[in-house]
C-alpha atoms as a PDB file:
ATOM      1  CA  UNK A   1       0.001  -0.016   0.034  1.00  0.00           C
ATOM      2  CA  UNK A   2       1.363   3.455  -0.958  1.00  0.00           C
ATOM      3  CA  UNK A   3       1.555   6.126   1.770  1.00  0.00           C
ATOM      4  CA  UNK A   4       2.443   9.734   1.904  1.00  0.00           C
ATOM      5  CA  UNK A   5       2.183  12.104  -1.147  1.00  0.00           C
ATOM      6  CA  UNK A   6       2.326   9.206  -3.627  1.00  0.00           C
ATOM      7  CA  UNK A   7      -0.544   7.457  -1.983  1.00  0.00           C
ATOM      8  CA  UNK A   8      -2.652  10.588  -1.985  1.00  0.00           C
ATOM      9  CA  UNK A   9      -1.845  11.190  -5.628  1.00  0.00           C
ATOM     10  CA  UNK A  10      -3.337   7.768  -6.492  1.00  0.00           C
ATOM     11  CA  UNK A  11      -6.557   8.654  -4.742  1.00  0.00           C
ATOM     12  CA  UNK A  12      -6.629  12.099  -6.538  1.00  0.00           C
ATOM     13  CA  UNK A  13      -6.252  10.179  -9.836  1.00  0.00           C
ATOM     14  CA  UNK A  14      -9.047   7.883  -9.052  1.00  0.00           C
ATOM     15  CA  UNK A  15     -11.357  10.645  -7.979  1.00  0.00           C
ATOM     16  CA  UNK A  16     -10.525  12.787 -10.979  1.00  0.00           C
ATOM     17  CA  UNK A  17     -11.343   9.921 -13.383  1.00  0.00           C
ATOM     18  CA  UNK A  18     -14.618   9.337 -11.424  1.00  0.00           C
ATOM     19  CA  UNK A  19     -15.623  12.888 -12.131  1.00  0.00           C
ATOM     20  CA  UNK A  20     -15.743  12.149 -15.872  1.00  0.00           C
ATOM     21  CA  UNK A  21     -18.167   9.381 -15.093  1.00  0.00           C
ATOM     22  CA  UNK A  22     -20.401  11.861 -13.159  1.00  0.00           C
ATOM     23  CA  UNK A  23     -20.257  14.504 -15.839  1.00  0.00           C
ATOM     24  CA  UNK A  24     -21.245  11.941 -18.436  1.00  0.00           C
ATOM     25  CA  UNK A  25     -24.209  10.770 -16.261  1.00  0.00           C
ATOM     26  CA  UNK A  26     -25.387  14.302 -15.862  1.00  0.00           C
ATOM     27  CA  UNK A  27     -25.077  15.030 -19.568  1.00  0.00           C
ATOM     28  CA  UNK A  28     -26.895  11.914 -20.428  1.00  0.00           C
ATOM     29  CA  UNK A  29     -29.724  12.601 -17.967  1.00  0.00           C
ATOM     30  CA  UNK A  30     -30.244  16.170 -18.771  1.00  0.00           C
ATOM     31  CA  UNK A  31     -29.228  16.288 -22.503  1.00  0.00           C
ATOM     32  CA  UNK A  32     -31.917  18.915 -23.225  1.00  0.00           C
ATOM     33  CA  UNK A  33     -30.479  21.349 -20.637  1.00  0.00           C
ATOM     34  CA  UNK A  34     -26.816  20.421 -20.115  1.00  0.00           C
ATOM     35  CA  UNK A  35     -25.410  23.847 -19.276  1.00  0.00           C
ATOM     36  CA  UNK A  36     -27.799  24.644 -16.429  1.00  0.00           C
ATOM     37  CA  UNK A  37     -27.483  20.975 -15.150  1.00  0.00           C
ATOM     38  CA  UNK A  38     -23.756  21.312 -14.930  1.00  0.00           C
ATOM     39  CA  UNK A  39     -24.010  24.635 -13.043  1.00  0.00           C
ATOM     40  CA  UNK A  40     -26.490  23.355 -10.621  1.00  0.00           C
ATOM     41  CA  UNK A  41     -25.341  23.151  -6.922  1.00  0.00           C
ATOM     42  CA  UNK A  42     -26.737  19.726  -6.493  1.00  0.00           C
ATOM     43  CA  UNK A  43     -24.683  18.579  -9.455  1.00  0.00           C
ATOM     44  CA  UNK A  44     -21.399  19.531  -7.686  1.00  0.00           C
ATOM     45  CA  UNK A  45     -22.457  17.656  -4.596  1.00  0.00           C
ATOM     46  CA  UNK A  46     -23.128  14.701  -6.855  1.00  0.00           C
ATOM     47  CA  UNK A  47     -19.621  15.064  -8.331  1.00  0.00           C
ATOM     48  CA  UNK A  48     -18.156  14.967  -4.842  1.00  0.00           C
ATOM     49  CA  UNK A  49     -20.213  11.901  -3.893  1.00  0.00           C
ATOM     50  CA  UNK A  50     -18.912  10.101  -7.084  1.00  0.00           C
ATOM     51  CA  UNK A  51     -15.349  10.991  -6.030  1.00  0.00           C
ATOM     52  CA  UNK A  52     -15.997   9.634  -2.586  1.00  0.00           C
ATOM     53  CA  UNK A  53     -17.477   6.407  -3.819  1.00  0.00           C
ATOM     54  CA  UNK A  54     -14.558   5.860  -6.261  1.00  0.00           C
ATOM     55  CA  UNK A  55     -12.056   6.450  -3.405  1.00  0.00           C
ATOM     56  CA  UNK A  56     -13.980   3.861  -1.328  1.00  0.00           C
ATOM     57  CA  UNK A  57     -13.722   1.367  -4.062  1.00  0.00           C
ATOM     58  CA  UNK A  58     -10.014   2.010  -4.535  1.00  0.00           C
ATOM     59  CA  UNK A  59      -9.442   1.591  -0.722  1.00  0.00           C
ATOM     60  CA  UNK A  60     -11.345  -1.680  -0.624  1.00  0.00           C
ATOM     61  CA  UNK A  61      -9.504  -3.158  -3.625  1.00  0.00           C
ATOM     62  CA  UNK A  62      -6.150  -2.234  -2.174  1.00  0.00           C
ATOM     63  CA  UNK A  63      -6.896  -4.577   0.778  1.00  0.00           C
ATOM     64  CA  UNK A  64      -8.690  -7.425  -1.034  1.00  0.00           C
ATOM     65  CA  UNK A  65      -6.801 -10.608  -0.382  1.00  0.00           C
ATOM     66  CA  UNK A  66      -6.511 -11.449  -4.072  1.00  0.00           C
ATOM     67  CA  UNK A  67      -2.938 -11.984  -5.279  1.00  0.00           C
ATOM     68  CA  UNK A  68      -3.603 -10.841  -8.773  1.00  0.00           C
ATOM     69  CA  UNK A  69      -4.841  -7.401  -7.325  1.00  0.00           C
ATOM     70  CA  UNK A  70      -2.115  -7.161  -4.777  1.00  0.00           C
ATOM     71  CA  UNK A  71       0.582  -7.775  -7.399  1.00  0.00           C
ATOM     72  CA  UNK A  72      -0.533  -4.837  -9.583  1.00  0.00           C
ATOM     73  CA  UNK A  73       1.438  -1.673  -9.650  1.00  0.00           C
ATOM     74  CA  UNK A  74      -0.446   0.965  -7.555  1.00  0.00           C
ATOM     75  CA  UNK A  75      -0.522   3.335 -10.426  1.00  0.00           C
ATOM     76  CA  UNK A  76      -2.131   0.729 -12.687  1.00  0.00           C
ATOM     77  CA  UNK A  77      -4.630  -0.316  -9.930  1.00  0.00           C
ATOM     78  CA  UNK A  78      -5.578   3.490  -9.493  1.00  0.00           C
ATOM     79  CA  UNK A  79      -6.049   3.860 -13.265  1.00  0.00           C
ATOM     80  CA  UNK A  80      -8.191   0.633 -13.550  1.00  0.00           C
ATOM     81  CA  UNK A  81     -10.390   1.671 -10.562  1.00  0.00           C
ATOM     82  CA  UNK A  82     -10.745   5.256 -11.851  1.00  0.00           C
ATOM     83  CA  UNK A  83     -11.742   4.116 -15.307  1.00  0.00           C
ATOM     84  CA  UNK A  84     -13.853   1.098 -14.307  1.00  0.00           C
ATOM     85  CA  UNK A  85     -15.061   1.789 -10.811  1.00  0.00           C
ATOM     86  CA  UNK A  86     -18.775   1.861 -12.053  1.00  0.00           C
ATOM     87  CA  UNK A  87     -18.279  -1.812 -13.172  1.00  0.00           C
ATOM     88  CA  UNK A  88     -16.433  -2.659  -9.894  1.00  0.00           C
ATOM     89  CA  UNK A  89     -19.316  -1.310  -7.929  1.00  0.00           C
ATOM     90  CA  UNK A  90     -21.342  -4.254  -9.179  1.00  0.00           C
ATOM     91  CA  UNK A  91     -19.087  -6.736  -7.368  1.00  0.00           C
ATOM     92  CA  UNK A  92     -20.503  -8.026  -4.162  1.00  0.00           C
ATOM     93  CA  UNK A  93     -17.898  -8.057  -1.436  1.00  0.00           C
ATOM     94  CA  UNK A  94     -18.346 -11.010   1.176  1.00  0.00           C
ATOM     95  CA  UNK A  95     -17.900  -9.609   4.696  1.00  0.00           C
ATOM     96  CA  UNK A  96     -18.584 -12.889   6.449  1.00  0.00           C
ATOM     97  CA  UNK A  97     -17.948 -16.235   4.706  1.00  0.00           C
ATOM     98  CA  UNK A  98     -19.401 -19.285   6.526  1.00  0.00           C
ATOM     99  CA  UNK A  99     -16.963 -22.210   6.746  1.00  0.00           C
ATOM    100  CA  UNK A 100     -19.739 -24.612   5.512  1.00  0.00           C
ATOM    101  CA  UNK A 101     -21.685 -23.087   2.623  1.00  0.00           C
ATOM    102  CA  UNK A 102     -24.489 -25.535   3.298  1.00  0.00           C
ATOM    103  CA  UNK A 103     -25.115 -24.114   6.715  1.00  0.00           C
ATOM    104  CA  UNK A 104     -25.595 -20.449   5.907  1.00  0.00           C
ATOM    105  CA  UNK A 105     -25.090 -17.777   3.242  1.00  0.00           C
ATOM    106  CA  UNK A 106     -22.237 -15.295   3.049  1.00  0.00           C
ATOM    107  CA  UNK A 107     -22.960 -11.710   4.260  1.00  0.00           C
ATOM    108  CA  UNK A 108     -22.155  -9.529   1.326  1.00  0.00           C
ATOM    109  CA  UNK A 109     -21.717  -5.837   0.949  1.00  0.00           C
ATOM    110  CA  UNK A 110     -23.299  -4.457  -2.294  1.00  0.00           C
ATOM    111  CA  UNK A 111     -21.811  -1.015  -2.957  1.00  0.00           C
ATOM    112  CA  UNK A 112     -23.764  -0.841  -6.209  1.00  0.00           C
ATOM    113  CA  UNK A 113     -27.012  -0.899  -4.359  1.00  0.00           C
ATOM    114  CA  UNK A 114     -26.009   1.970  -2.057  1.00  0.00           C
ATOM    115  CA  UNK A 115     -24.573   3.949  -4.964  1.00  0.00           C
ATOM    116  CA  UNK A 116     -27.744   3.558  -7.006  1.00  0.00           C
ATOM    117  CA  UNK A 117     -29.767   5.001  -4.181  1.00  0.00           C
ATOM    118  CA  UNK A 118     -27.482   7.916  -3.716  1.00  0.00           C
ATOM    119  CA  UNK A 119     -27.321   8.578  -7.485  1.00  0.00           C
ATOM    120  CA  UNK A 120     -31.076   8.518  -7.804  1.00  0.00           C
ATOM    121  CA  UNK A 121     -31.392  11.015  -4.960  1.00  0.00           C
ATOM    122  CA  UNK A 122     -29.089  13.553  -6.437  1.00  0.00           C
ATOM    123  CA  UNK A 123     -30.362  13.182 -10.000  1.00  0.00           C
ATOM    124  CA  UNK A 124     -33.918  13.777  -8.692  1.00  0.00           C
ATOM    125  CA  UNK A 125     -32.765  16.899  -6.722  1.00  0.00           C
ATOM    126  CA  UNK A 126     -31.072  18.252  -9.828  1.00  0.00           C
ATOM    127  CA  UNK A 127     -34.177  17.705 -11.843  1.00  0.00           C
ATOM    128  CA  UNK A 128     -36.470  19.301  -9.307  1.00  0.00           C
ATOM    129  CA  UNK A 129     -34.162  22.332  -9.173  1.00  0.00           C
ATOM    130  CA  UNK A 130     -34.162  22.744 -12.983  1.00  0.00           C
ATOM    131  CA  UNK A 131     -37.912  22.188 -13.040  1.00  0.00           C
ATOM    132  CA  UNK A 132     -38.517  24.979 -10.591  1.00  0.00           C
ATOM    133  CA  UNK A 133     -36.785  27.456 -12.970  1.00  0.00           C
ATOM    134  CA  UNK A 134     -38.689  26.097 -15.950  1.00  0.00           C
ATOM    135  CA  UNK A 135     -41.946  26.576 -14.014  1.00  0.00           C
ATOM    136  CA  UNK A 136     -41.157  30.240 -13.147  1.00  0.00           C
ATOM    137  CA  UNK A 137     -40.666  31.038 -16.930  1.00  0.00           C
ATOM    138  CA  UNK A 138     -43.771  29.119 -17.981  1.00  0.00           C
ATOM    139  CA  UNK A 139     -45.842  31.095 -15.471  1.00  0.00           C
ATOM    140  CA  UNK A 140     -44.516  34.259 -17.068  1.00  0.00           C
ATOM    141  CA  UNK A 141     -45.169  32.947 -20.503  1.00  0.00           C
ATOM    142  CA  UNK A 142     -48.878  32.321 -19.864  1.00  0.00           C
ATOM    143  CA  UNK A 143     -49.410  35.862 -18.939  1.00  0.00           C
ATOM    144  CA  UNK A 144     -48.528  36.722 -22.617  1.00  0.00           C
ATOM    145  CA  UNK A 145     -51.164  36.987 -25.368  1.00  0.00           C
ATOM    146  CA  UNK A 146     -51.885  33.638 -26.939  1.00  0.00           C
ATOM    147  CA  UNK A 147     -51.296  35.150 -30.414  1.00  0.00           C
ATOM    148  CA  UNK A 148     -47.641  35.970 -29.315  1.00  0.00           C
ATOM    149  CA  UNK A 149     -46.993  32.396 -28.264  1.00  0.00           C
ATOM    150  CA  UNK A 150     -48.371  31.057 -31.539  1.00  0.00           C
ATOM    151  CA  UNK A 151     -46.218  33.390 -33.603  1.00  0.00           C
ATOM    152  CA  UNK A 152     -43.083  32.622 -31.660  1.00  0.00           C
ATOM    153  CA  UNK A 153     -43.762  28.907 -32.168  1.00  0.00           C
ATOM    154  CA  UNK A 154     -44.138  29.372 -35.866  1.00  0.00           C
ATOM    155  CA  UNK A 155     -41.147  31.653 -36.263  1.00  0.00           C
ATOM    156  CA  UNK A 156     -38.871  29.439 -34.209  1.00  0.00           C
ATOM    157  CA  UNK A 157     -39.932  26.253 -35.789  1.00  0.00           C
ATOM    158  CA  UNK A 158     -39.705  27.589 -39.373  1.00  0.00           C
ATOM    159  CA  UNK A 159     -36.163  28.792 -38.569  1.00  0.00           C
ATOM    160  CA  UNK A 160     -34.940  25.558 -37.021  1.00  0.00           C
ATOM    161  CA  UNK A 161     -37.153  22.746 -37.991  1.00  0.00           C
ATOM    162  CA  UNK A 162     -38.999  23.728 -41.309  1.00  0.00           C
ATOM    163  CA  UNK A 163     -40.057  20.183 -42.059  1.00  0.00           C
ATOM    164  CA  UNK A 164     -42.226  20.234 -38.890  1.00  0.00           C
ATOM    165  CA  UNK A 165     -44.125  23.500 -39.691  1.00  0.00           C
ATOM    166  CA  UNK A 166     -47.277  21.529 -40.606  1.00  0.00           C
ATOM    167  CA  UNK A 167     -47.177  19.722 -37.331  1.00  0.00           C
ATOM    168  CA  UNK A 168     -47.021  23.044 -35.462  1.00  0.00           C
ATOM    169  CA  UNK A 169     -50.003  24.328 -37.290  1.00  0.00           C
ATOM    170  CA  UNK A 170     -51.915  21.131 -36.519  1.00  0.00           C
ATOM    171  CA  UNK A 171     -50.949  21.420 -32.810  1.00  0.00           C
ATOM    172  CA  UNK A 172     -51.949  25.110 -32.571  1.00  0.00           C
ATOM    173  CA  UNK A 173     -55.313  24.322 -34.173  1.00  0.00           C
ATOM    174  CA  UNK A 174     -55.813  21.409 -31.790  1.00  0.00           C
ATOM    175  CA  UNK A 175     -55.220  23.585 -28.703  1.00  0.00           C
ATOM    176  CA  UNK A 176     -58.025  26.057 -29.777  1.00  0.00           C
ATOM    177  CA  UNK A 177     -60.607  23.766 -28.096  1.00  0.00           C
ATOM    178  CA  UNK A 178     -58.916  24.221 -24.585  1.00  0.00           C
ATOM    179  CA  UNK A 179     -59.522  26.947 -22.039  1.00  0.00           C
ATOM    180  CA  UNK A 180     -57.166  30.016 -22.598  1.00  0.00           C
ATOM    181  CA  UNK A 181     -54.843  29.434 -19.647  1.00  0.00           C
ATOM    182  CA  UNK A 182     -54.498  25.698 -20.433  1.00  0.00           C
ATOM    183  CA  UNK A 183     -53.985  26.549 -24.162  1.00  0.00           C
ATOM    184  CA  UNK A 184     -51.218  29.069 -23.306  1.00  0.00           C
ATOM    185  CA  UNK A 185     -49.546  26.535 -21.033  1.00  0.00           C
ATOM    186  CA  UNK A 186     -49.565  23.851 -23.787  1.00  0.00           C
ATOM    187  CA  UNK A 187     -48.052  26.377 -26.294  1.00  0.00           C
ATOM    188  CA  UNK A 188     -45.495  27.649 -23.919  1.00  0.00           C
ATOM    189  CA  UNK A 189     -44.400  24.163 -22.881  1.00  0.00           C
ATOM    190  CA  UNK A 190     -44.047  23.108 -26.490  1.00  0.00           C
ATOM    191  CA  UNK A 191     -41.966  26.243 -27.249  1.00  0.00           C
ATOM    192  CA  UNK A 192     -39.771  25.453 -24.119  1.00  0.00           C
ATOM    193  CA  UNK A 193     -39.214  21.896 -25.350  1.00  0.00           C
ATOM    194  CA  UNK A 194     -38.475  22.985 -28.989  1.00  0.00           C
ATOM    195  CA  UNK A 195     -36.296  26.007 -28.140  1.00  0.00           C
ATOM    196  CA  UNK A 196     -34.528  25.012 -24.998  1.00  0.00           C
ATOM    197  CA  UNK A 197     -34.340  26.870 -21.707  1.00  0.00           C
ATOM    198  CA  UNK A 198     -31.995  29.683 -22.733  1.00  0.00           C
ATOM    199  CA  UNK A 199     -33.774  30.386 -26.031  1.00  0.00           C
ATOM    200  CA  UNK A 200     -37.160  30.212 -24.309  1.00  0.00           C
ATOM    201  CA  UNK A 201     -36.103  32.725 -21.714  1.00  0.00           C
ATOM    202  CA  UNK A 202     -34.987  35.212 -24.502  1.00  0.00           C
ATOM    203  CA  UNK A 203     -38.178  34.694 -26.414  1.00  0.00           C
ATOM    204  CA  UNK A 204     -40.317  35.305 -23.311  1.00  0.00           C
ATOM    205  CA  UNK A 205     -38.483  38.363 -22.430  1.00  0.00           C
ATOM    206  CA  UNK A 206     -38.744  39.718 -26.062  1.00  0.00           C
ATOM    207  CA  UNK A 207     -42.525  38.947 -26.053  1.00  0.00           C
ATOM    208  CA  UNK A 208     -42.898  40.716 -22.632  1.00  0.00           C
ATOM    209  CA  UNK A 209     -41.053  43.760 -23.992  1.00  0.00           C
ATOM    210  CA  UNK A 210     -43.276  43.925 -27.166  1.00  0.00           C
ATOM    211  CA  UNK A 211     -46.415  43.331 -24.982  1.00  0.00           C
ATOM    212  CA  UNK A 212     -45.531  46.215 -22.644  1.00  0.00           C
ATOM    213  CA  UNK A 213     -45.153  48.836 -25.437  1.00  0.00           C
END
């Protein structure tokens, strides 16, 4: 086992590599809003938790009584754990192994189960935080004239996705049977989905400016 500064460097390597896993997971989970997701405070706590779990896996594998692992160069072990710690998490580690397997079962520690719960917790918190911001802008959008939302949808869709212009017109026509508030919410939500958060904010601010004139 490495000690001192060299030992600390191995842990830092493992934790740094684990951060790439965390970044990839956040980008995969929030591909429609990656910038805000990466800026979110819960995301950085999640990064820290990933680093902690990877360091725990590295610590456990350093002390496993397996000759093939113990014979590895510490730098190689740190690299393998840093790159593949998500796979290593799925390994059940037996804490207590009965002398006679027919008498009882081994008591195992499943790090994967614990990590899955923690990961789910943080991803949900990130999603709720992002949703809160989206809701605030949707509330502002439904105070705008319905005609402004329709025109913004048409203009944005024709500029970005011209082949779906007919679908937009059909959707707008379909919403006309709904109450006004619900109709505005449907139109604003579609505009948010098509344009993305940052573009949606700019569109709402522009529509508010034009409406106030």
